[in-house]
Amino acid sequence: MKYKPYTDPDWLHTEYVRKKRNCADIAEECGTTEMTIYNWCKEFGLLKLRGKGRNLGPQKIIKRG
């Protein structure tokens, strides 16, 4: 059976919270999907430590009259 580092809460905490890596980057390194990493982060309660939203870059605020 292949070792899956993302199933280790300490490893995933280091990568996702401390190093601030995104799920896609971690998934690519581990050879799995972004959703798998997201689900493990959710399982370990890491999403609330870093926030659930995606960083979509600067957003324009449109004022509507």
Protein backbone atom coordinates (compact mmCIF):
# COMPACT_ATOMS: atom_id res chain seq x y z
CA MET A 1 0.00 0.00 0.00
CA LYS A 2 1.34 3.41 -0.99
CA TYR A 3 1.98 5.94 1.79
CA LYS A 4 -0.43 8.88 1.63
CA PRO A 5 1.10 11.77 3.59
CA TYR A 6 -2.08 13.85 3.36
CA THR A 7 -3.80 11.37 5.71
CA ASP A 8 -1.42 12.46 8.49
CA PRO A 9 -2.93 15.46 10.31
CA ASP A 10 0.46 16.85 11.37
CA TRP A 11 1.88 16.70 7.85
CA LEU A 12 -1.21 18.28 6.31
CA HIS A 13 -1.31 20.99 8.98
CA THR A 14 2.30 21.90 8.20
CA GLU A 15 1.71 22.05 4.46
CA TYR A 16 -1.73 23.68 4.37
CA VAL A 17 -1.69 26.00 7.40
CA ARG A 18 1.95 26.79 8.19
CA LYS A 19 3.36 26.81 4.65
CA LYS A 20 0.07 28.20 3.26
CA ARG A 21 0.08 25.85 0.28
CA ASN A 22 -3.17 25.44 -1.60
CA CYS A 23 -5.01 22.15 -2.08
CA ALA A 24 -4.16 21.96 -5.78
CA ASP A 25 -0.42 22.27 -5.10
CA ILE A 26 -0.48 19.63 -2.36
CA ALA A 27 -2.61 17.33 -4.54
CA GLU A 28 -0.17 17.58 -7.44
CA GLU A 29 2.74 16.65 -5.17
CA CYS A 30 0.82 13.69 -3.72
CA GLY A 31 -0.59 12.45 -7.02
CA THR A 32 -4.22 12.86 -6.02
CA THR A 33 -7.07 15.30 -6.62
CA GLU A 34 -7.61 18.72 -5.13
CA MET A 35 -10.95 17.53 -3.72
CA THR A 36 -9.23 14.71 -1.84
CA ILE A 37 -6.91 17.17 -0.13
CA TYR A 38 -9.82 19.53 0.57
CA ASN A 39 -11.79 16.70 2.18
CA TRP A 40 -8.87 15.70 4.40
CA CYS A 41 -8.37 19.34 5.42
CA LYS A 42 -12.05 19.48 6.28
CA GLU A 43 -11.83 16.18 8.20
CA PHE A 44 -8.94 17.49 10.32
CA GLY A 45 -10.55 20.92 10.91
CA LEU A 46 -7.85 22.80 9.02
CA LEU A 47 -10.21 24.87 6.88
CA LYS A 48 -11.32 26.99 9.82
CA LEU A 49 -7.67 27.73 10.66
CA ARG A 50 -7.04 29.23 7.24
CA GLY A 51 -10.47 30.04 5.89
CA LYS A 52 -12.67 28.27 3.37
CA GLY A 53 -12.58 30.79 0.56
CA ARG A 54 -10.35 30.60 -2.44
CA ASN A 55 -7.96 33.41 -3.16
CA LEU A 56 -9.27 34.79 -6.43
CA GLY A 57 -7.06 37.85 -6.43
CA PRO A 58 -8.10 41.49 -6.16
CA GLN A 59 -11.80 42.03 -6.60
CA LYS A 60 -13.36 45.11 -8.11
CA ILE A 61 -16.19 46.65 -6.17
CA ILE A 62 -18.98 47.74 -8.49
CA LYS A 63 -21.22 50.47 -7.12
CA ARG A 64 -24.72 50.26 -8.38
CA GLY A 65 -26.82 53.35 -8.20
